[in-house]
């Protein structure tokens, strides 16, 4: 399923800057960045639970926030993109 993850991490402190980096790294391990604080992740239910647990251990719930948008398996019909598209096909073959 496709899950869109957005986050806002308070970076007024050094600890906040470290949290921001950790949140981005966690999301990058499961998907691709499409905006500065927005990731598209194609995951199964177990992977999603792992990612959510990881993210929720990182953030400070008093100052930071994460939003999960569940687009499901038919996500292509729900996403419209305009402008430059530098994203990868997450369901295609990736050679690194």
PDB file of N, CA and C in Angstrom:
ATOM      1  N   UNK A   1       0.837  -1.177   0.000  1.00  0.00           N
ATOM      2  CA  UNK A   1       0.000   0.000   0.000  1.00  0.00           C
ATOM      3  C   UNK A   1       0.881   1.239   0.000  1.00  0.00           C
ATOM      4  N   UNK A   2       0.351   2.302  -0.554  1.00  0.00           N
ATOM      5  CA  UNK A   2       1.062   3.575  -0.562  1.00  0.00           C
ATOM      6  C   UNK A   2       0.644   4.366   0.670  1.00  0.00           C
ATOM      7  N   UNK A   3       1.635   4.856   1.400  1.00  0.00           N
ATOM      8  CA  UNK A   3       1.406   5.727   2.546  1.00  0.00           C
ATOM      9  C   UNK A   3       2.216   6.987   2.325  1.00  0.00           C
ATOM     10  N   UNK A   4       1.567   8.115   2.454  1.00  0.00           N
ATOM     11  CA  UNK A   4       2.240   9.402   2.381  1.00  0.00           C
ATOM     12  C   UNK A   4       2.522   9.828   3.809  1.00  0.00           C
ATOM     13  N   UNK A   5       3.771  10.135   4.103  1.00  0.00           N
ATOM     14  CA  UNK A   5       4.160  10.521   5.457  1.00  0.00           C
ATOM     15  C   UNK A   5       4.679  11.949   5.410  1.00  0.00           C
ATOM     16  N   UNK A   6       4.100  12.789   6.258  1.00  0.00           N
ATOM     17  CA  UNK A   6       4.544  14.173   6.380  1.00  0.00           C
ATOM     18  C   UNK A   6       4.946  14.406   7.821  1.00  0.00           C
ATOM     19  N   UNK A   7       5.909  15.286   8.022  1.00  0.00           N
ATOM     20  CA  UNK A   7       6.345  15.541   9.386  1.00  0.00           C
ATOM     21  C   UNK A   7       6.782  16.981   9.558  1.00  0.00           C
ATOM     22  N   UNK A   8       6.709  17.426  10.800  1.00  0.00           N
ATOM     23  CA  UNK A   8       7.162  18.747  11.193  1.00  0.00           C
ATOM     24  C   UNK A   8       7.931  18.567  12.491  1.00  0.00           C
ATOM     25  N   UNK A   9       9.233  18.779  12.430  1.00  0.00           N
ATOM     26  CA  UNK A   9      10.088  18.603  13.593  1.00  0.00           C
ATOM     27  C   UNK A   9      10.641  19.962  13.988  1.00  0.00           C
ATOM     28  N   UNK A  10      10.495  20.308  15.257  1.00  0.00           N
ATOM     29  CA  UNK A  10      10.993  21.579  15.771  1.00  0.00           C
ATOM     30  C   UNK A  10      12.521  21.533  15.785  1.00  0.00           C
ATOM     31  N   UNK A  11      13.153  22.423  15.024  1.00  0.00           N
ATOM     32  CA  UNK A  11      14.614  22.422  14.902  1.00  0.00           C
ATOM     33  C   UNK A  11      15.258  23.623  15.586  1.00  0.00           C
ATOM     34  N   UNK A  12      14.597  24.169  16.582  1.00  0.00           N
ATOM     35  CA  UNK A  12      15.162  25.309  17.304  1.00  0.00           C
ATOM     36  C   UNK A  12      16.328  24.912  18.200  1.00  0.00           C
ATOM     37  N   UNK A  13      16.457  23.629  18.496  1.00  0.00           N
ATOM     38  CA  UNK A  13      17.552  23.139  19.330  1.00  0.00           C
ATOM     39  C   UNK A  13      18.393  22.150  18.530  1.00  0.00           C
ATOM     40  N   UNK A  14      19.578  21.864  19.035  1.00  0.00           N
ATOM     41  CA  UNK A  14      20.438  20.861  18.390  1.00  0.00           C
ATOM     42  C   UNK A  14      19.778  19.483  18.432  1.00  0.00           C
ATOM     43  N   UNK A  15      19.092  19.180  19.532  1.00  0.00           N
ATOM     44  CA  UNK A  15      18.389  17.897  19.643  1.00  0.00           C
ATOM     45  C   UNK A  15      17.305  17.793  18.569  1.00  0.00           C
ATOM     46  N   UNK A  16      16.618  18.893  18.308  1.00  0.00           N
ATOM     47  CA  UNK A  16      15.594  18.916  17.267  1.00  0.00           C
ATOM     48  C   UNK A  16      16.192  18.681  15.895  1.00  0.00           C
ATOM     49  N   UNK A  17      17.337  19.272  15.632  1.00  0.00           N
ATOM     50  CA  UNK A  17      18.008  19.074  14.343  1.00  0.00           C
ATOM     51  C   UNK A  17      18.408  17.616  14.167  1.00  0.00           C
ATOM     52  N   UNK A  18      18.861  16.973  15.249  1.00  0.00           N
ATOM     53  CA  UNK A  18      19.205  15.548  15.183  1.00  0.00           C
ATOM     54  C   UNK A  18      17.958  14.703  14.930  1.00  0.00           C
ATOM     55  N   UNK A  19      16.843  15.059  15.604  1.00  0.00           N
ATOM     56  CA  UNK A  19      15.587  14.319  15.390  1.00  0.00           C
ATOM     57  C   UNK A  19      15.142  14.441  13.943  1.00  0.00           C
ATOM     58  N   UNK A  20      15.229  15.633  13.381  1.00  0.00           N
ATOM     59  CA  UNK A  20      14.836  15.855  11.989  1.00  0.00           C
ATOM     60  C   UNK A  20      15.623  14.928  11.061  1.00  0.00           C
ATOM     61  N   UNK A  21      16.920  14.861  11.268  1.00  0.00           N
ATOM     62  CA  UNK A  21      17.766  13.994  10.435  1.00  0.00           C
ATOM     63  C   UNK A  21      17.363  12.527  10.604  1.00  0.00           C
ATOM     64  N   UNK A  22      17.088  12.099  11.823  1.00  0.00           N
ATOM     65  CA  UNK A  22      16.705  10.715  12.089  1.00  0.00           C
ATOM     66  C   UNK A  22      15.348  10.374  11.472  1.00  0.00           C
ATOM     67  N   UNK A  23      14.402  11.311  11.536  1.00  0.00           N
ATOM     68  CA  UNK A  23      13.082  11.083  10.939  1.00  0.00           C
ATOM     69  C   UNK A  23      13.224  10.930   9.428  1.00  0.00           C
ATOM     70  N   UNK A  24      13.987  11.826   8.809  1.00  0.00           N
ATOM     71  CA  UNK A  24      14.182  11.752   7.357  1.00  0.00           C
ATOM     72  C   UNK A  24      14.861  10.436   6.972  1.00  0.00           C
ATOM     73  N   UNK A  25      15.859  10.013   7.726  1.00  0.00           N
ATOM     74  CA  UNK A  25      16.567   8.767   7.437  1.00  0.00           C
ATOM     75  C   UNK A  25      15.628   7.578   7.562  1.00  0.00           C
ATOM     76  N   UNK A  26      14.794   7.560   8.595  1.00  0.00           N
ATOM     77  CA  UNK A  26      13.848   6.455   8.774  1.00  0.00           C
ATOM     78  C   UNK A  26      12.893   6.382   7.586  1.00  0.00           C
ATOM     79  N   UNK A  27      12.363   7.518   7.170  1.00  0.00           N
ATOM     80  CA  UNK A  27      11.445   7.536   6.030  1.00  0.00           C
ATOM     81  C   UNK A  27      12.153   7.112   4.750  1.00  0.00           C
ATOM     82  N   UNK A  28      13.380   7.551   4.587  1.00  0.00           N
ATOM     83  CA  UNK A  28      14.142   7.216   3.388  1.00  0.00           C
ATOM     84  C   UNK A  28      14.406   5.715   3.306  1.00  0.00           C
ATOM     85  N   UNK A  29      14.487   5.043   4.440  1.00  0.00           N
ATOM     86  CA  UNK A  29      14.688   3.595   4.449  1.00  0.00           C
ATOM     87  C   UNK A  29      13.481   2.832   3.910  1.00  0.00           C
ATOM     88  N   UNK A  30      12.315   3.490   3.858  1.00  0.00           N
ATOM     89  CA  UNK A  30      11.087   2.828   3.418  1.00  0.00           C
ATOM     90  C   UNK A  30      10.483   3.432   2.153  1.00  0.00           C
ATOM     91  N   UNK A  31      10.967   4.589   1.721  1.00  0.00           N
ATOM     92  CA  UNK A  31      10.343   5.227   0.567  1.00  0.00           C
ATOM     93  C   UNK A  31      11.231   6.297  -0.023  1.00  0.00           C
ATOM     94  N   UNK A  32      10.597   7.234  -0.705  1.00  0.00           N
ATOM     95  CA  UNK A  32      11.362   8.306  -1.336  1.00  0.00           C
ATOM     96  C   UNK A  32      10.784   9.666  -0.977  1.00  0.00           C
ATOM     97  N   UNK A  33      11.689  10.618  -0.842  1.00  0.00           N
ATOM     98  CA  UNK A  33      11.299  11.999  -0.541  1.00  0.00           C
ATOM     99  C   UNK A  33      10.689  12.615  -1.793  1.00  0.00           C
ATOM    100  N   UNK A  34       9.515  13.242  -1.642  1.00  0.00           N
ATOM    101  CA  UNK A  34       8.880  13.924  -2.762  1.00  0.00           C
ATOM    102  C   UNK A  34       8.758  15.430  -2.508  1.00  0.00           C
ATOM    103  N   UNK A  35       8.887  15.835  -1.280  1.00  0.00           N
ATOM    104  CA  UNK A  35       8.972  17.231  -0.872  1.00  0.00           C
ATOM    105  C   UNK A  35       9.912  17.254   0.333  1.00  0.00           C
ATOM    106  N   UNK A  36      10.251  18.424   0.847  1.00  0.00           N
ATOM    107  CA  UNK A  36      11.231  18.482   1.934  1.00  0.00           C
ATOM    108  C   UNK A  36      10.864  17.619   3.134  1.00  0.00           C
ATOM    109  N   UNK A  37       9.635  17.626   3.561  1.00  0.00           N
ATOM    110  CA  UNK A  37       9.209  16.834   4.724  1.00  0.00           C
ATOM    111  C   UNK A  37       8.071  15.892   4.360  1.00  0.00           C
ATOM    112  N   UNK A  38       8.117  15.370   3.132  1.00  0.00           N
ATOM    113  CA  UNK A  38       7.064  14.479   2.644  1.00  0.00           C
ATOM    114  C   UNK A  38       7.704  13.283   1.942  1.00  0.00           C
ATOM    115  N   UNK A  39       7.270  12.090   2.339  1.00  0.00           N
ATOM    116  CA  UNK A  39       7.772  10.858   1.738  1.00  0.00           C
ATOM    117  C   UNK A  39       6.619  10.010   1.248  1.00  0.00           C
ATOM    118  N   UNK A  40       6.821   9.356   0.095  1.00  0.00           N
ATOM    119  CA  UNK A  40       5.918   8.321  -0.403  1.00  0.00           C
ATOM    120  C   UNK A  40       6.557   6.985  -0.086  1.00  0.00           C
ATOM    121  N   UNK A  41       5.805   6.136   0.591  1.00  0.00           N
ATOM    122  CA  UNK A  41       6.335   4.823   0.971  1.00  0.00           C
ATOM    123  C   UNK A  41       5.366   3.743   0.515  1.00  0.00           C
ATOM    124  N   UNK A  42       5.890   2.753  -0.187  1.00  0.00           N
ATOM    125  CA  UNK A  42       5.094   1.582  -0.539  1.00  0.00           C
ATOM    126  C   UNK A  42       5.520   0.478   0.417  1.00  0.00           C
ATOM    127  N   UNK A  43       4.608   0.121   1.310  1.00  0.00           N
ATOM    128  CA  UNK A  43       4.916  -0.812   2.392  1.00  0.00           C
ATOM    129  C   UNK A  43       3.765  -1.790   2.594  1.00  0.00           C
ATOM    130  N   UNK A  44       4.073  -2.903   3.221  1.00  0.00           N
ATOM    131  CA  UNK A  44       2.999  -3.793   3.657  1.00  0.00           C
ATOM    132  C   UNK A  44       2.668  -3.437   5.108  1.00  0.00           C
ATOM    133  N   UNK A  45       1.683  -4.093   5.676  1.00  0.00           N
ATOM    134  CA  UNK A  45       1.209  -3.733   7.013  1.00  0.00           C
ATOM    135  C   UNK A  45       2.306  -3.868   8.066  1.00  0.00           C
ATOM    136  N   UNK A  46       3.109  -4.921   7.989  1.00  0.00           N
ATOM    137  CA  UNK A  46       4.181  -5.125   8.973  1.00  0.00           C
ATOM    138  C   UNK A  46       5.245  -4.030   8.866  1.00  0.00           C
ATOM    139  N   UNK A  47       5.630  -3.683   7.636  1.00  0.00           N
ATOM    140  CA  UNK A  47       6.617  -2.623   7.441  1.00  0.00           C
ATOM    141  C   UNK A  47       6.095  -1.289   7.953  1.00  0.00           C
ATOM    142  N   UNK A  48       4.811  -1.027   7.715  1.00  0.00           N
ATOM    143  CA  UNK A  48       4.227   0.220   8.185  1.00  0.00           C
ATOM    144  C   UNK A  48       4.271   0.302   9.709  1.00  0.00           C
ATOM    145  N   UNK A  49       3.920  -0.781  10.386  1.00  0.00           N
ATOM    146  CA  UNK A  49       3.978  -0.788  11.855  1.00  0.00           C
ATOM    147  C   UNK A  49       5.410  -0.557  12.348  1.00  0.00           C
ATOM    148  N   UNK A  50       6.386  -1.182  11.678  1.00  0.00           N
ATOM    149  CA  UNK A  50       7.793  -0.983  12.053  1.00  0.00           C
ATOM    150  C   UNK A  50       8.204   0.476  11.881  1.00  0.00           C
ATOM    151  N   UNK A  51       7.844   1.056  10.738  1.00  0.00           N
ATOM    152  CA  UNK A  51       8.201   2.444  10.466  1.00  0.00           C
ATOM    153  C   UNK A  51       7.525   3.383  11.450  1.00  0.00           C
ATOM    154  N   UNK A  52       6.247   3.187  11.708  1.00  0.00           N
ATOM    155  CA  UNK A  52       5.541   4.044  12.655  1.00  0.00           C
ATOM    156  C   UNK A  52       6.167   3.959  14.045  1.00  0.00           C
ATOM    157  N   UNK A  53       6.482   2.760  14.491  1.00  0.00           N
ATOM    158  CA  UNK A  53       7.104   2.603  15.808  1.00  0.00           C
ATOM    159  C   UNK A  53       8.455   3.321  15.842  1.00  0.00           C
ATOM    160  N   UNK A  54       9.223   3.171  14.789  1.00  0.00           N
ATOM    161  CA  UNK A  54      10.537   3.832  14.710  1.00  0.00           C
ATOM    162  C   UNK A  54      10.400   5.344  14.766  1.00  0.00           C
ATOM    163  N   UNK A  55       9.495   5.883  13.954  1.00  0.00           N
ATOM    164  CA  UNK A  55       9.301   7.333  13.926  1.00  0.00           C
ATOM    165  C   UNK A  55       8.796   7.860  15.267  1.00  0.00           C
ATOM    166  N   UNK A  56       7.883   7.135  15.869  1.00  0.00           N
ATOM    167  CA  UNK A  56       7.281   7.617  17.101  1.00  0.00           C
ATOM    168  C   UNK A  56       8.223   7.495  18.292  1.00  0.00           C
ATOM    169  N   UNK A  57       9.287   6.691  18.156  1.00  0.00           N
ATOM    170  CA  UNK A  57      10.343   6.672  19.173  1.00  0.00           C
ATOM    171  C   UNK A  57      11.285   7.865  19.004  1.00  0.00           C
ATOM    172  N   UNK A  58      11.384   8.375  17.791  1.00  0.00           N
ATOM    173  CA  UNK A  58      12.316   9.468  17.494  1.00  0.00           C
ATOM    174  C   UNK A  58      11.753  10.825  17.895  1.00  0.00           C
ATOM    175  N   UNK A  59      10.514  11.087  17.545  1.00  0.00           N
ATOM    176  CA  UNK A  59       9.989  12.447  17.709  1.00  0.00           C
ATOM    177  C   UNK A  59       9.732  12.796  19.174  1.00  0.00           C
ATOM    178  N   UNK A  60       9.666  14.089  19.414  1.00  0.00           N
ATOM    179  CA  UNK A  60       9.229  14.630  20.703  1.00  0.00           C
ATOM    180  C   UNK A  60       7.763  14.994  20.515  1.00  0.00           C
ATOM    181  N   UNK A  61       6.867  14.252  21.113  1.00  0.00           N
ATOM    182  CA  UNK A  61       5.432  14.452  20.889  1.00  0.00           C
ATOM    183  C   UNK A  61       4.926  15.780  21.431  1.00  0.00           C
ATOM    184  N   UNK A  62       5.743  16.475  22.198  1.00  0.00           N
ATOM    185  CA  UNK A  62       5.365  17.802  22.708  1.00  0.00           C
ATOM    186  C   UNK A  62       5.639  18.912  21.689  1.00  0.00           C
ATOM    187  N   UNK A  63       6.579  18.674  20.765  1.00  0.00           N
ATOM    188  CA  UNK A  63       6.971  19.739  19.834  1.00  0.00           C
ATOM    189  C   UNK A  63       6.928  19.346  18.364  1.00  0.00           C
ATOM    190  N   UNK A  64       6.880  18.044  18.060  1.00  0.00           N
ATOM    191  CA  UNK A  64       6.939  17.557  16.683  1.00  0.00           C
ATOM    192  C   UNK A  64       5.629  16.874  16.307  1.00  0.00           C
ATOM    193  N   UNK A  65       5.441  16.657  15.008  1.00  0.00           N
ATOM    194  CA  UNK A  65       4.251  15.925  14.574  1.00  0.00           C
ATOM    195  C   UNK A  65       4.538  15.138  13.300  1.00  0.00           C
ATOM    196  N   UNK A  66       3.778  14.052  13.156  1.00  0.00           N
ATOM    197  CA  UNK A  66       3.835  13.213  11.962  1.00  0.00           C
ATOM    198  C   UNK A  66       2.401  12.949  11.532  1.00  0.00           C
ATOM    199  N   UNK A  67       2.174  12.971  10.224  1.00  0.00           N
ATOM    200  CA  UNK A  67       0.857  12.620   9.676  1.00  0.00           C
ATOM    201  C   UNK A  67       1.039  11.494   8.673  1.00  0.00           C
ATOM    202  N   UNK A  68       0.146  10.520   8.730  1.00  0.00           N
ATOM    203  CA  UNK A  68       0.152   9.380   7.811  1.00  0.00           C
ATOM    204  C   UNK A  68      -1.113   9.462   6.953  1.00  0.00           C
ATOM    205  N   UNK A  69      -0.949   9.424   5.654  1.00  0.00           N
ATOM    206  CA  UNK A  69      -2.073   9.414   4.723  1.00  0.00           C
ATOM    207  C   UNK A  69      -2.063   8.065   4.023  1.00  0.00           C
ATOM    208  N   UNK A  70      -3.091   7.282   4.254  1.00  0.00           N
ATOM    209  CA  UNK A  70      -3.168   5.932   3.709  1.00  0.00           C
ATOM    210  C   UNK A  70      -3.858   5.979   2.344  1.00  0.00           C
ATOM    211  N   UNK A  71      -3.074   5.822   1.282  1.00  0.00           N
ATOM    212  CA  UNK A  71      -3.620   5.902  -0.075  1.00  0.00           C
ATOM    213  C   UNK A  71      -3.955   4.530  -0.641  1.00  0.00           C
ATOM    214  N   UNK A  72      -3.523   3.464   0.039  1.00  0.00           N
ATOM    215  CA  UNK A  72      -3.897   2.115  -0.355  1.00  0.00           C
ATOM    216  C   UNK A  72      -3.162   1.608  -1.577  1.00  0.00           C
ATOM    217  N   UNK A  73      -3.716   0.558  -2.151  1.00  0.00           N
ATOM    218  CA  UNK A  73      -3.102  -0.077  -3.317  1.00  0.00           C
ATOM    219  C   UNK A  73      -3.498   0.581  -4.634  1.00  0.00           C
ATOM    220  N   UNK A  74      -4.571   1.317  -4.643  1.00  0.00           N
ATOM    221  CA  UNK A  74      -5.031   2.000  -5.863  1.00  0.00           C
ATOM    222  C   UNK A  74      -4.580   3.458  -5.866  1.00  0.00           C
ATOM    223  N   UNK A  75      -3.425   3.719  -5.289  1.00  0.00           N
ATOM    224  CA  UNK A  75      -2.938   5.079  -5.092  1.00  0.00           C
ATOM    225  C   UNK A  75      -2.719   5.837  -6.393  1.00  0.00           C
ATOM    226  N   UNK A  76      -2.398   5.148  -7.475  1.00  0.00           N
ATOM    227  CA  UNK A  76      -2.137   5.853  -8.747  1.00  0.00           C
ATOM    228  C   UNK A  76      -3.349   6.665  -9.208  1.00  0.00           C
ATOM    229  N   UNK A  77      -4.548   6.194  -8.863  1.00  0.00           N
ATOM    230  CA  UNK A  77      -5.768   6.916  -9.226  1.00  0.00           C
ATOM    231  C   UNK A  77      -6.034   8.094  -8.301  1.00  0.00           C
ATOM    232  N   UNK A  78      -5.276   8.210  -7.220  1.00  0.00           N
ATOM    233  CA  UNK A  78      -5.517   9.247  -6.215  1.00  0.00           C
ATOM    234  C   UNK A  78      -4.435  10.319  -6.184  1.00  0.00           C
ATOM    235  N   UNK A  79      -3.398  10.168  -7.006  1.00  0.00           N
ATOM    236  CA  UNK A  79      -2.282  11.104  -6.989  1.00  0.00           C
ATOM    237  C   UNK A  79      -2.214  11.822  -8.327  1.00  0.00           C
ATOM    238  N   UNK A  80      -2.151  13.121  -8.270  1.00  0.00           N
ATOM    239  CA  UNK A  80      -1.972  13.938  -9.476  1.00  0.00           C
ATOM    240  C   UNK A  80      -0.746  14.799  -9.258  1.00  0.00           C
ATOM    241  N   UNK A  81       0.174  14.760 -10.184  1.00  0.00           N
ATOM    242  CA  UNK A  81       1.422  15.523 -10.063  1.00  0.00           C
ATOM    243  C   UNK A  81       1.499  16.535 -11.198  1.00  0.00           C
ATOM    244  N   UNK A  82       1.927  17.746 -10.884  1.00  0.00           N
ATOM    245  CA  UNK A  82       2.121  18.804 -11.872  1.00  0.00           C
ATOM    246  C   UNK A  82       3.524  19.356 -11.680  1.00  0.00           C
ATOM    247  N   UNK A  83       4.242  19.542 -12.755  1.00  0.00           N
ATOM    248  CA  UNK A  83       5.588  20.105 -12.658  1.00  0.00           C
ATOM    249  C   UNK A  83       6.654  19.045 -12.782  1.00  0.00           C
ATOM    250  N   UNK A  84       7.868  19.435 -12.464  1.00  0.00           N
ATOM    251  CA  UNK A  84       9.026  18.566 -12.592  1.00  0.00           C
ATOM    252  C   UNK A  84       8.858  17.359 -11.689  1.00  0.00           C
ATOM    253  N   UNK A  85       9.091  16.187 -12.238  1.00  0.00           N
ATOM    254  CA  UNK A  85       8.971  14.949 -11.487  1.00  0.00           C
ATOM    255  C   UNK A  85      10.313  14.235 -11.508  1.00  0.00           C
ATOM    256  N   UNK A  86      10.980  14.212 -10.360  1.00  0.00           N
ATOM    257  CA  UNK A  86      12.279  13.553 -10.283  1.00  0.00           C
ATOM    258  C   UNK A  86      12.187  12.268  -9.464  1.00  0.00           C
ATOM    259  N   UNK A  87      10.977  11.757  -9.302  1.00  0.00           N
ATOM    260  CA  UNK A  87      10.803  10.575  -8.455  1.00  0.00           C
ATOM    261  C   UNK A  87      11.097   9.288  -9.218  1.00  0.00           C
ATOM    262  N   UNK A  88      11.340   8.258  -8.442  1.00  0.00           N
ATOM    263  CA  UNK A  88      11.564   6.925  -8.984  1.00  0.00           C
ATOM    264  C   UNK A  88      10.256   6.154  -8.986  1.00  0.00           C
ATOM    265  N   UNK A  89      10.197   5.124  -9.811  1.00  0.00           N
ATOM    266  CA  UNK A  89       9.058   4.205  -9.777  1.00  0.00           C
ATOM    267  C   UNK A  89       9.332   3.209  -8.663  1.00  0.00           C
ATOM    268  N   UNK A  90       8.696   3.397  -7.513  1.00  0.00           N
ATOM    269  CA  UNK A  90       8.958   2.560  -6.346  1.00  0.00           C
ATOM    270  C   UNK A  90       8.540   1.112  -6.547  1.00  0.00           C
ATOM    271  N   UNK A  91       7.665   0.864  -7.502  1.00  0.00           N
ATOM    272  CA  UNK A  91       7.231  -0.504  -7.751  1.00  0.00           C
ATOM    273  C   UNK A  91       8.001  -1.152  -8.895  1.00  0.00           C
ATOM    274  N   UNK A  92       8.826  -0.367  -9.563  1.00  0.00           N
ATOM    275  CA  UNK A  92       9.604  -0.889 -10.674  1.00  0.00           C
ATOM    276  C   UNK A  92      10.906  -1.510 -10.196  1.00  0.00           C
ATOM    277  N   UNK A  93      11.703  -1.946 -11.119  1.00  0.00           N
ATOM    278  CA  UNK A  93      13.005  -2.537 -10.805  1.00  0.00           C
ATOM    279  C   UNK A  93      13.991  -1.426 -10.509  1.00  0.00           C
ATOM    280  N   UNK A  94      14.645  -1.534  -9.366  1.00  0.00           N
ATOM    281  CA  UNK A  94      15.649  -0.546  -8.979  1.00  0.00           C
ATOM    282  C   UNK A  94      17.018  -1.209  -9.001  1.00  0.00           C
ATOM    283  N   UNK A  95      17.936  -0.612  -9.734  1.00  0.00           N
ATOM    284  CA  UNK A  95      19.304  -1.113  -9.787  1.00  0.00           C
ATOM    285  C   UNK A  95      20.189  -0.079  -9.116  1.00  0.00           C
ATOM    286  N   UNK A  96      20.917  -0.508  -8.096  1.00  0.00           N
ATOM    287  CA  UNK A  96      21.790   0.445  -7.382  1.00  0.00           C
ATOM    288  C   UNK A  96      23.232   0.096  -7.540  1.00  0.00           C
TER     289      UNK A  96
END
